[in-house]
Structure formats: structure tokens, C-alpha cells
Amino acid sequence: MGQKTISRDGTSLAYRSTGDGPPVVLVSGAMSTGATLVPLAEALAGHGFTVVTYDRRGRGESGDTAPYEVAREVEDLATLIGAVGDGAALCGVSSGGALALRAAASELPVRQVAVYETPFAMDEAGKEQWAVYTERLTEALSQDRRGDAVELFLRLTGLAEDMIRGARQAPMWAGMEAVAPSLAYDAAVLGDDGVPGEELARIGVPLLAVAGGASPAWMRDAARAVAEAAPHGTYRVLEGQTHMVEPGVLAPVLAEFFAG
């Protein structure tokens, strides 16, 4: 990743900075590392920001320390912000958005927070599906069945069974199994009660929640609910975009918000 720092509990965190200007820390989602967000980092850096990507604990070149607690990941962000300069902005993608939101609600010294499609369950059916997933995930990981854990996640995202079988035979599968234990971390960060309204109400800085116009309606509903729960929230839709948002489309929207 390029650089390393040490979190409060002694966990080593690998991170990379690109660009020059006010700092923005990008937070990746499930089954991803800091490298996943490098294209977005480079696009955003082109708008005059220093953009930091990092490997969340348990992934890539960062370390891990048991037992896991969401508070430790918030401390990781506090450490990174201290390394790049107080007053950094946060941008979380997918479940990384939940971590960014919880960090902002914890009164970390951030100037703004933006999230893209944080997948909070929006109705009872969604919550029930999430509960079944987390129960089966916990069982699979407790038995070190990493491949089964990855399958559970891919199935949750809606990937077809034949594509899942194909993925098992692909070179990328070993890397996916390597980060499979961190799926439990994303589950913990998202929680099981949908949008954490009371927590978001404590965010005192400007917040931007973005969703893709071509994503499922519940994704847009979740983004809107996040914006409405925060005192200074704004909701935006990017027409034609899905959960796999194009960096060149998202970056200008983020740049406009962070420059405000």
C-alpha cells in the first residue's frame, strides 16, 4: 500500500495517499481492500484532494487483532485521520459507508462524510433475509468454511448460482477466501436493525448520501433514509449508475460536496 501506521490496539494499518489538497479517506466495503477504491481515489485526486485508501483490518497488508469490535475499526479511522491531518473528510462505499457513518457519529474530527449505497435493510423481509445470512455466515466462519462464507455473500448480492460455481474455479477465489473472515466485520458494522437513526442524528457535520438510479429501489430508499436521519443530510441519485458505480461519475459529485 505504501505507508503504514499503528492503531490504538496495536494493529498495523496499510494505507496509500494520492493527490494534493484537503484530505479525504475512502472506506471500502465487503470483500474488498484499499486497492478496490484506487480508481475512485485517482479520479477524486484529480479534483484537488489528497485521497487516502487503506486496507481495513483483516484484509490485504493490514493486520488484525482479536476479538473484533466495531469500535476498533472506528479507532482505525481515528488513527488514519491523525496520520493525514485532522479535518479529513470520509467517504464510505457500500458497507464501508456504515463504518464511515458510525465514525462520524462518534465525533471523530471529520469535516464531512459521504456514503454510496450503504445496504441497510429497509423492511421486515430485508431484515429477515439479513438475519438468516448473518446466522449462516457465523456458522460457516466458526467452522473455517471460508469458501461457503464467500458463497453466502455472493448469493446475498444476487449473483446467479452458475456464476458462483464459476467463481469458485477462478484465480480470484483464493483472494476472496483470504478476506472471508472480514465478512463478519461488515455484518457487525451494518447491524441488524436497518438504518441506525438515533446514531445518525448525532452526526454534526454535512452528510451526503448517494445512490444509483439503476440500482434496486431499496438501495435508493436506504440512501434517502440515511440523509433524512442526519441533521445536515443531502440525498443524491446518479442516473444510470448501479452498485458498481463508475469512478468518473461519482468523483465530480463527491468533489463538489467536499469543496463546499
Protein backbone atom coordinates (compact mmCIF):
# COMPACT_ATOMS: atom_id res chain seq x y z
CA MET A 1 0.00 0.00 0.00
CA GLY A 2 2.94 2.33 0.52
CA GLN A 3 2.68 3.51 4.13
CA LYS A 4 1.79 2.03 7.49
CA THR A 5 0.55 3.29 10.82
CA ILE A 6 -0.41 1.57 14.09
CA SER A 7 -3.92 1.69 15.52
CA ARG A 8 -4.68 2.09 19.21
CA ASP A 9 -4.82 -1.67 19.88
CA GLY A 10 -1.53 -2.30 18.07
CA THR A 11 -2.98 -3.36 14.72
CA SER A 12 -0.87 -2.38 11.72
CA LEU A 13 -2.79 -0.45 9.04
CA ALA A 14 -1.54 -0.18 5.45
CA TYR A 15 -2.57 2.90 3.51
CA ARG A 16 -1.80 4.86 0.35
CA SER A 17 -2.15 8.57 -0.44
CA THR A 18 -2.58 10.16 -3.84
CA GLY A 19 -3.08 13.76 -4.95
CA ASP A 20 -2.62 17.08 -3.20
CA GLY A 21 -5.19 19.11 -1.28
CA PRO A 22 -7.68 18.63 1.58
CA PRO A 23 -7.58 15.01 2.80
CA VAL A 24 -10.34 12.51 2.08
CA VAL A 25 -10.26 8.95 3.48
CA LEU A 26 -12.06 6.29 1.42
CA VAL A 27 -13.59 3.32 3.26
CA SER A 28 -14.12 0.13 1.27
CA GLY A 29 -16.94 -2.37 1.65
CA ALA A 30 -17.22 -6.14 1.99
CA MET A 31 -14.82 -8.48 0.17
CA SER A 32 -12.60 -5.56 -0.79
CA THR A 33 -9.28 -3.95 0.11
CA GLY A 34 -7.95 -0.46 -0.33
CA ALA A 35 -6.89 -1.37 -3.85
CA THR A 36 -10.56 -1.72 -4.81
CA LEU A 37 -11.05 2.03 -4.40
CA VAL A 38 -7.85 3.19 -6.12
CA PRO A 39 -9.71 4.13 -9.36
CA LEU A 40 -12.10 6.35 -7.35
CA ALA A 41 -9.15 7.77 -5.38
CA GLU A 42 -7.33 8.73 -8.55
CA ALA A 43 -10.45 10.29 -10.07
CA LEU A 44 -11.15 12.30 -6.91
CA ALA A 45 -7.50 13.35 -6.54
CA GLY A 46 -7.79 14.92 -9.98
CA HIS A 47 -10.24 17.41 -8.47
CA GLY A 48 -7.68 18.74 -5.97
CA PHE A 49 -7.76 16.41 -2.96
CA THR A 50 -5.32 14.17 -1.12
CA VAL A 51 -7.17 10.86 -1.19
CA VAL A 52 -6.29 8.03 1.19
CA THR A 53 -7.16 4.39 0.60
CA TYR A 54 -6.41 1.76 3.21
CA ASP A 55 -6.77 -1.93 3.94
CA ARG A 56 -9.30 -2.34 6.71
CA ARG A 57 -8.16 -4.67 9.49
CA GLY A 58 -8.12 -8.32 8.49
CA ARG A 59 -7.54 -7.51 4.82
CA GLY A 60 -4.66 -7.05 2.43
CA GLU A 61 -1.48 -5.79 4.07
CA SER A 62 -3.12 -4.66 7.33
CA GLY A 63 -3.03 -6.75 10.47
CA ASP A 64 -5.83 -7.94 12.71
CA THR A 65 -6.36 -8.26 16.44
CA ALA A 66 -8.95 -10.45 18.15
CA PRO A 67 -11.59 -10.09 19.38
CA TYR A 68 -13.23 -7.90 16.75
CA GLU A 69 -15.26 -4.86 17.78
CA VAL A 70 -16.76 -2.14 15.60
CA ALA A 71 -15.20 0.40 17.98
CA ARG A 72 -11.75 -0.86 16.96
CA GLU A 73 -12.47 -0.05 13.31
CA VAL A 74 -13.58 3.43 14.36
CA GLU A 75 -10.25 3.75 16.19
CA ASP A 76 -8.51 2.68 12.98
CA LEU A 77 -10.12 5.62 11.18
CA ALA A 78 -9.14 7.94 14.03
CA THR A 79 -5.54 6.76 13.62
CA LEU A 80 -5.60 7.34 9.86
CA ILE A 81 -7.11 10.79 10.28
CA GLY A 82 -4.36 11.60 12.76
CA ALA A 83 -1.78 10.46 10.21
CA VAL A 84 -3.15 12.54 7.31
CA GLY A 85 -4.44 15.56 9.24
CA ASP A 86 -7.44 16.38 11.43
CA GLY A 87 -10.40 17.67 9.48
CA ALA A 88 -10.28 14.93 6.86
CA ALA A 89 -13.49 14.03 5.08
CA LEU A 90 -14.76 10.45 4.97
CA CYS A 91 -16.30 8.60 2.04
CA GLY A 92 -17.62 5.07 2.52
CA VAL A 93 -18.74 2.78 -0.28
CA SER A 94 -21.33 0.04 0.30
CA SER A 95 -20.90 -1.43 3.80
CA GLY A 96 -17.86 0.81 4.21
CA GLY A 97 -20.43 3.59 4.37
CA ALA A 98 -21.80 2.15 7.60
CA LEU A 99 -18.33 2.37 9.15
CA ALA A 100 -17.89 5.94 7.91
CA LEU A 101 -21.27 6.90 9.38
CA ARG A 102 -20.54 5.31 12.74
CA ALA A 103 -17.16 7.04 12.82
CA ALA A 104 -18.76 10.42 12.10
CA ALA A 105 -21.37 9.77 14.79
CA SER A 106 -18.52 9.03 17.23
CA GLU A 107 -17.40 12.65 16.85
CA LEU A 108 -14.14 11.92 15.08
CA PRO A 109 -12.55 15.14 13.79
CA VAL A 110 -14.01 14.95 10.29
CA ARG A 111 -15.30 17.88 8.26
CA GLN A 112 -17.80 15.96 6.08
CA VAL A 113 -18.99 12.41 5.40
CA ALA A 114 -20.30 10.92 2.16
CA VAL A 115 -21.63 7.41 1.53
CA TYR A 116 -22.59 5.48 -1.58
CA GLU A 117 -25.34 2.86 -1.29
CA THR A 118 -24.91 1.68 2.29
CA PRO A 119 -27.03 -1.52 2.20
CA PHE A 120 -29.18 -1.12 5.29
CA ALA A 121 -32.24 -3.40 5.25
CA MET A 122 -35.36 -1.32 4.64
CA ASP A 123 -38.29 -3.61 5.50
CA GLU A 124 -39.09 -6.71 7.53
CA ALA A 125 -38.41 -9.05 4.61
CA GLY A 126 -34.99 -7.48 4.15
CA LYS A 127 -34.23 -7.73 7.84
CA GLU A 128 -35.26 -11.38 7.89
CA GLN A 129 -33.04 -12.16 4.90
CA TRP A 130 -30.17 -10.36 6.62
CA ALA A 131 -30.72 -12.29 9.86
CA VAL A 132 -30.60 -15.63 8.02
CA TYR A 133 -27.43 -14.57 6.21
CA THR A 134 -25.62 -13.47 9.37
CA GLU A 135 -26.60 -16.66 11.21
CA ARG A 136 -25.29 -18.87 8.40
CA LEU A 137 -22.18 -16.70 7.99
CA THR A 138 -21.35 -17.03 11.67
CA GLU A 139 -21.71 -20.81 11.46
CA ALA A 140 -19.55 -21.10 8.34
CA LEU A 141 -16.76 -18.92 9.74
CA SER A 142 -16.81 -20.69 13.11
CA GLN A 143 -16.02 -23.90 11.20
CA ASP A 144 -13.45 -22.13 8.98
CA ARG A 145 -15.53 -22.88 5.88
CA ARG A 146 -14.32 -19.75 4.13
CA GLY A 147 -15.49 -20.81 0.69
CA ASP A 148 -19.01 -21.34 2.00
CA ALA A 149 -18.89 -17.90 3.63
CA VAL A 150 -17.94 -16.30 0.33
CA GLU A 151 -20.78 -18.18 -1.40
CA LEU A 152 -23.25 -16.89 1.18
CA PHE A 153 -22.16 -13.33 0.50
CA LEU A 154 -22.28 -13.69 -3.28
CA ARG A 155 -25.74 -15.24 -3.03
CA LEU A 156 -26.86 -12.34 -0.85
CA THR A 157 -25.78 -9.90 -3.54
CA GLY A 158 -27.97 -11.72 -6.05
CA LEU A 159 -25.24 -13.46 -8.04
CA ALA A 160 -26.61 -16.42 -10.02
CA GLU A 161 -25.69 -19.95 -8.91
CA ASP A 162 -23.86 -20.77 -12.12
CA MET A 163 -21.74 -17.64 -11.72
CA ILE A 164 -20.94 -18.58 -8.14
CA ARG A 165 -19.80 -22.04 -9.29
CA GLY A 166 -17.67 -20.38 -11.95
CA ALA A 167 -16.16 -18.00 -9.42
CA ARG A 168 -15.01 -20.97 -7.31
CA GLN A 169 -12.87 -22.09 -10.22
CA ALA A 170 -11.45 -18.63 -10.93
CA PRO A 171 -7.96 -17.45 -9.84
CA MET A 172 -9.56 -14.71 -7.72
CA TRP A 173 -11.24 -17.24 -5.41
CA ALA A 174 -8.19 -17.72 -3.18
CA GLY A 175 -8.06 -13.98 -2.54
CA MET A 176 -11.76 -13.93 -1.71
CA GLU A 177 -11.34 -16.75 0.80
CA ALA A 178 -8.42 -14.86 2.35
CA VAL A 179 -10.64 -11.93 3.32
CA ALA A 180 -13.75 -14.03 4.07
CA PRO A 181 -13.44 -13.67 7.88
CA SER A 182 -13.86 -9.90 7.45
CA LEU A 183 -17.41 -10.51 6.19
CA ALA A 184 -18.33 -10.83 9.85
CA TYR A 185 -16.86 -7.37 10.43
CA ASP A 186 -19.07 -5.82 7.75
CA ALA A 187 -22.09 -7.61 9.21
CA ALA A 188 -21.30 -6.14 12.63
CA VAL A 189 -20.82 -2.63 11.23
CA LEU A 190 -24.16 -2.76 9.38
CA GLY A 191 -26.02 -4.11 12.41
CA ASP A 192 -29.38 -5.83 12.24
CA ASP A 193 -31.92 -3.03 12.73
CA GLY A 194 -31.74 -1.22 9.41
CA VAL A 195 -30.84 2.48 9.30
CA PRO A 196 -29.46 3.47 12.76
CA GLY A 197 -31.46 6.69 13.00
CA GLU A 198 -30.54 7.62 16.58
CA GLU A 199 -26.85 7.22 15.83
CA LEU A 200 -27.04 9.21 12.59
CA ALA A 201 -28.83 12.01 14.42
CA ARG A 202 -25.57 12.61 16.30
CA ILE A 203 -23.62 13.44 13.12
CA GLY A 204 -22.98 17.16 13.33
CA VAL A 205 -21.16 17.63 10.02
CA PRO A 206 -22.58 17.82 6.47
CA LEU A 207 -23.54 14.41 5.09
CA LEU A 208 -24.12 13.29 1.50
CA ALA A 209 -25.90 10.00 0.74
CA VAL A 210 -25.74 8.89 -2.89
CA ALA A 211 -27.43 6.04 -4.76
CA GLY A 212 -27.55 4.84 -8.35
CA GLY A 213 -30.65 5.39 -10.42
CA ALA A 214 -30.31 1.91 -11.93
CA SER A 215 -29.90 0.18 -8.55
CA PRO A 216 -32.81 -1.57 -6.80
CA ALA A 217 -35.33 0.84 -5.29
CA TRP A 218 -34.50 -0.24 -1.73
CA MET A 219 -30.93 1.00 -2.21
CA ARG A 220 -32.25 4.45 -3.02
CA ASP A 221 -34.68 4.23 -0.10
CA ALA A 222 -31.79 3.42 2.23
CA ALA A 223 -29.72 6.35 0.97
CA ARG A 224 -32.65 8.70 1.35
CA ALA A 225 -33.30 7.43 4.89
CA VAL A 226 -29.65 7.99 5.83
CA ALA A 227 -29.81 11.59 4.58
CA GLU A 228 -33.08 12.25 6.37
CA ALA A 229 -31.80 10.85 9.67
CA ALA A 230 -28.78 13.18 9.76
CA PRO A 231 -29.24 16.83 10.81
CA HIS A 232 -27.31 18.10 7.79
CA GLY A 233 -28.01 15.36 5.26
CA THR A 234 -28.36 15.62 1.48
CA TYR A 235 -29.58 12.89 -0.89
CA ARG A 236 -28.45 12.49 -4.49
CA VAL A 237 -29.23 9.99 -7.25
CA LEU A 238 -26.79 9.28 -10.08
CA GLU A 239 -28.87 8.33 -13.09
CA GLY A 240 -27.83 5.16 -14.89
CA GLN A 241 -25.49 4.02 -12.11
CA THR A 242 -25.64 0.74 -10.21
CA HIS A 243 -23.95 -0.52 -7.05
CA MET A 244 -20.78 -0.83 -9.16
CA VAL A 245 -20.63 2.92 -9.65
CA GLU A 246 -18.27 4.39 -12.24
CA PRO A 247 -15.49 6.40 -10.52
CA GLY A 248 -15.63 9.09 -13.20
CA VAL A 249 -19.30 9.68 -12.45
CA LEU A 250 -19.12 9.62 -8.64
CA ALA A 251 -15.90 11.64 -8.25
CA PRO A 252 -17.26 15.00 -9.53
CA VAL A 253 -20.27 14.72 -7.21
CA LEU A 254 -18.02 14.00 -4.24
CA ALA A 255 -15.64 16.81 -5.22
CA GLU A 256 -18.48 19.34 -5.35
CA PHE A 257 -19.68 18.24 -1.92
CA PHE A 258 -16.23 18.16 -0.30
CA ALA A 259 -15.37 21.58 -1.72
CA GLY A 260 -18.48 23.11 -0.14
